[in-house]
Amino acid sequence: MNENEEKISVYIDVCRVIGRAVVLLKEAGQPVTQDRIKLMVQMHSEQNDDPYMSNSYATAQDVLMWN
């Protein structure tokens, strides 16, 4: 995989991580706020043991801190 393909793959996985958090919050009937999404991503990150996904969770957390 070349560098551009790797960046696209990480981008897609970060979107999935954040999207999953949003869906789970909606299913639980909780408000979808940036703070709640951050917390959900953090919780999933702590339960994860896959190095690739750990990178995706870390990148998602960085993206959520931009605001």
N, C-alpha and C. Protein backbone atom coordinates (compact mmCIF):
# COMPACT_ATOMS: atom_id res chain seq x y z
N MET A 1 0.86 -1.17 0.00
CA MET A 1 0.00 0.00 0.00
C MET A 1 0.90 1.23 0.00
N ASN A 2 0.64 2.15 -0.93
CA ASN A 2 1.46 3.36 -0.96
C ASN A 2 0.97 4.36 0.09
N GLU A 3 1.71 5.43 0.25
CA GLU A 3 1.42 6.40 1.32
C GLU A 3 0.03 7.02 1.17
N ASN A 4 -0.37 7.34 -0.05
CA ASN A 4 -1.68 7.95 -0.27
C ASN A 4 -2.80 6.97 0.08
N GLU A 5 -2.64 5.72 -0.32
CA GLU A 5 -3.66 4.71 0.01
C GLU A 5 -3.75 4.50 1.52
N GLU A 6 -2.61 4.55 2.19
CA GLU A 6 -2.60 4.39 3.64
C GLU A 6 -3.34 5.55 4.32
N LYS A 7 -3.12 6.77 3.84
CA LYS A 7 -3.81 7.94 4.40
C LYS A 7 -5.32 7.81 4.21
N ILE A 8 -5.72 7.36 3.03
CA ILE A 8 -7.15 7.19 2.74
C ILE A 8 -7.74 6.12 3.66
N SER A 9 -7.01 5.04 3.86
CA SER A 9 -7.48 3.96 4.73
C SER A 9 -7.65 4.45 6.17
N VAL A 10 -6.69 5.22 6.66
CA VAL A 10 -6.78 5.77 8.02
C VAL A 10 -7.98 6.72 8.11
N TYR A 11 -8.16 7.57 7.10
CA TYR A 11 -9.28 8.51 7.07
C TYR A 11 -10.61 7.75 7.16
N ILE A 12 -10.74 6.69 6.36
CA ILE A 12 -11.98 5.90 6.36
C ILE A 12 -12.21 5.28 7.74
N ASP A 13 -11.16 4.73 8.34
CA ASP A 13 -11.32 4.09 9.64
C ASP A 13 -11.63 5.10 10.74
N VAL A 14 -11.06 6.30 10.66
CA VAL A 14 -11.37 7.35 11.64
C VAL A 14 -12.84 7.74 11.51
N CYS A 15 -13.32 7.86 10.28
CA CYS A 15 -14.75 8.17 10.07
C CYS A 15 -15.63 7.07 10.64
N ARG A 16 -15.22 5.83 10.48
CA ARG A 16 -15.99 4.70 11.03
C ARG A 16 -16.03 4.76 12.55
N VAL A 17 -14.88 5.05 13.17
CA VAL A 17 -14.80 5.12 14.63
C VAL A 17 -15.74 6.20 15.16
N ILE A 18 -15.68 7.38 14.56
CA ILE A 18 -16.53 8.48 15.01
C ILE A 18 -18.00 8.18 14.69
N GLY A 19 -18.26 7.64 13.51
CA GLY A 19 -19.63 7.29 13.13
C GLY A 19 -20.23 6.24 14.04
N ARG A 20 -19.43 5.26 14.42
CA ARG A 20 -19.92 4.22 15.33
C ARG A 20 -20.32 4.83 16.67
N ALA A 21 -19.51 5.75 17.16
CA ALA A 21 -19.82 6.41 18.43
C ALA A 21 -21.14 7.17 18.32
N VAL A 22 -21.35 7.86 17.22
CA VAL A 22 -22.59 8.61 17.01
C VAL A 22 -23.79 7.67 16.98
N VAL A 23 -23.67 6.57 16.25
CA VAL A 23 -24.78 5.61 16.15
C VAL A 23 -25.11 5.02 17.51
N LEU A 24 -24.09 4.65 18.28
CA LEU A 24 -24.33 4.07 19.61
C LEU A 24 -24.99 5.08 20.55
N LEU A 25 -24.58 6.33 20.46
CA LEU A 25 -25.21 7.36 21.28
C LEU A 25 -26.68 7.54 20.89
N LYS A 26 -26.95 7.58 19.58
CA LYS A 26 -28.33 7.72 19.10
C LYS A 26 -29.18 6.53 19.55
N GLU A 27 -28.63 5.32 19.43
CA GLU A 27 -29.38 4.12 19.83
C GLU A 27 -29.69 4.13 21.32
N ALA A 28 -28.79 4.71 22.10
CA ALA A 28 -28.99 4.78 23.56
C ALA A 28 -29.89 5.94 23.95
N GLY A 29 -30.28 6.76 22.98
CA GLY A 29 -31.14 7.90 23.28
C GLY A 29 -30.41 9.03 23.98
N GLN A 30 -29.09 9.04 23.86
CA GLN A 30 -28.30 10.09 24.50
C GLN A 30 -28.03 11.22 23.51
N PRO A 31 -27.87 12.43 24.02
CA PRO A 31 -27.55 13.54 23.13
C PRO A 31 -26.20 13.31 22.43
N VAL A 32 -26.14 13.65 21.17
CA VAL A 32 -24.90 13.50 20.42
C VAL A 32 -24.16 14.83 20.49
N THR A 33 -23.20 14.89 21.39
CA THR A 33 -22.37 16.09 21.55
C THR A 33 -20.92 15.70 21.33
N GLN A 34 -20.10 16.69 21.09
CA GLN A 34 -18.68 16.41 20.89
C GLN A 34 -18.07 15.74 22.12
N ASP A 35 -18.44 16.20 23.30
CA ASP A 35 -17.90 15.60 24.52
C ASP A 35 -18.32 14.14 24.67
N ARG A 36 -19.56 13.83 24.35
CA ARG A 36 -20.03 12.44 24.46
C ARG A 36 -19.36 11.55 23.41
N ILE A 37 -19.16 12.10 22.21
CA ILE A 37 -18.46 11.33 21.18
C ILE A 37 -17.02 11.06 21.63
N LYS A 38 -16.36 12.08 22.18
CA LYS A 38 -14.98 11.89 22.68
C LYS A 38 -14.93 10.80 23.73
N LEU A 39 -15.88 10.82 24.66
CA LEU A 39 -15.91 9.82 25.73
C LEU A 39 -16.15 8.42 25.16
N MET A 40 -17.06 8.30 24.22
CA MET A 40 -17.35 7.00 23.61
C MET A 40 -16.12 6.47 22.87
N VAL A 41 -15.45 7.33 22.12
CA VAL A 41 -14.24 6.91 21.39
C VAL A 41 -13.16 6.49 22.38
N GLN A 42 -13.03 7.23 23.47
CA GLN A 42 -12.04 6.88 24.49
C GLN A 42 -12.35 5.51 25.10
N MET A 43 -13.61 5.26 25.42
CA MET A 43 -14.01 3.97 26.00
C MET A 43 -13.71 2.82 25.05
N HIS A 44 -14.02 3.01 23.77
CA HIS A 44 -13.76 1.95 22.79
C HIS A 44 -12.26 1.74 22.62
N SER A 45 -11.51 2.83 22.67
CA SER A 45 -10.05 2.73 22.55
C SER A 45 -9.46 1.91 23.68
N GLU A 46 -9.97 2.12 24.88
CA GLU A 46 -9.46 1.40 26.05
C GLU A 46 -9.79 -0.09 26.00
N GLN A 47 -10.84 -0.46 25.28
CA GLN A 47 -11.24 -1.86 25.17
C GLN A 47 -10.58 -2.57 23.99
N ASN A 48 -9.84 -1.84 23.20
CA ASN A 48 -9.25 -2.34 21.97
C ASN A 48 -7.84 -2.89 22.22
N ASP A 49 -7.48 -3.96 21.50
CA ASP A 49 -6.12 -4.49 21.61
C ASP A 49 -5.43 -4.65 20.25
N ASP A 50 -6.04 -4.09 19.21
CA ASP A 50 -5.47 -4.16 17.87
C ASP A 50 -4.62 -2.91 17.61
N PRO A 51 -3.33 -3.07 17.28
CA PRO A 51 -2.45 -1.91 17.08
C PRO A 51 -2.95 -0.96 15.98
N TYR A 52 -3.47 -1.50 14.87
CA TYR A 52 -3.95 -0.64 13.80
C TYR A 52 -5.14 0.19 14.27
N MET A 53 -6.09 -0.47 14.94
CA MET A 53 -7.26 0.26 15.42
C MET A 53 -6.89 1.24 16.53
N SER A 54 -5.88 0.91 17.31
CA SER A 54 -5.41 1.85 18.33
C SER A 54 -4.98 3.15 17.68
N ASN A 55 -4.31 3.04 16.53
CA ASN A 55 -3.91 4.23 15.79
C ASN A 55 -5.13 4.99 15.28
N SER A 56 -6.13 4.26 14.81
CA SER A 56 -7.36 4.91 14.32
C SER A 56 -8.08 5.64 15.45
N TYR A 57 -8.16 5.00 16.62
CA TYR A 57 -8.80 5.65 17.77
C TYR A 57 -8.01 6.89 18.20
N ALA A 58 -6.69 6.79 18.23
CA ALA A 58 -5.86 7.93 18.62
C ALA A 58 -6.03 9.08 17.64
N THR A 59 -6.08 8.77 16.35
CA THR A 59 -6.28 9.81 15.34
C THR A 59 -7.66 10.44 15.48
N ALA A 60 -8.68 9.62 15.73
CA ALA A 60 -10.03 10.14 15.92
C ALA A 60 -10.07 11.07 17.13
N GLN A 61 -9.40 10.69 18.21
CA GLN A 61 -9.37 11.54 19.40
C GLN A 61 -8.67 12.86 19.10
N ASP A 62 -7.60 12.81 18.31
CA ASP A 62 -6.91 14.05 17.91
C ASP A 62 -7.83 14.95 17.09
N VAL A 63 -8.55 14.36 16.15
CA VAL A 63 -9.47 15.13 15.31
C VAL A 63 -10.54 15.79 16.16
N LEU A 64 -11.06 15.07 17.14
CA LEU A 64 -12.11 15.62 18.00
C LEU A 64 -11.60 16.74 18.90
N MET A 65 -10.31 16.81 19.12
CA MET A 65 -9.73 17.86 19.96
C MET A 65 -9.50 19.16 19.19
N TRP A 66 -9.62 19.14 17.87
CA TRP A 66 -9.34 20.32 17.06
C TRP A 66 -10.24 21.49 17.39
N ASN A 67 -11.44 21.23 17.85
CA ASN A 67 -12.38 22.34 18.16
C ASN A 67 -12.27 22.76 19.58
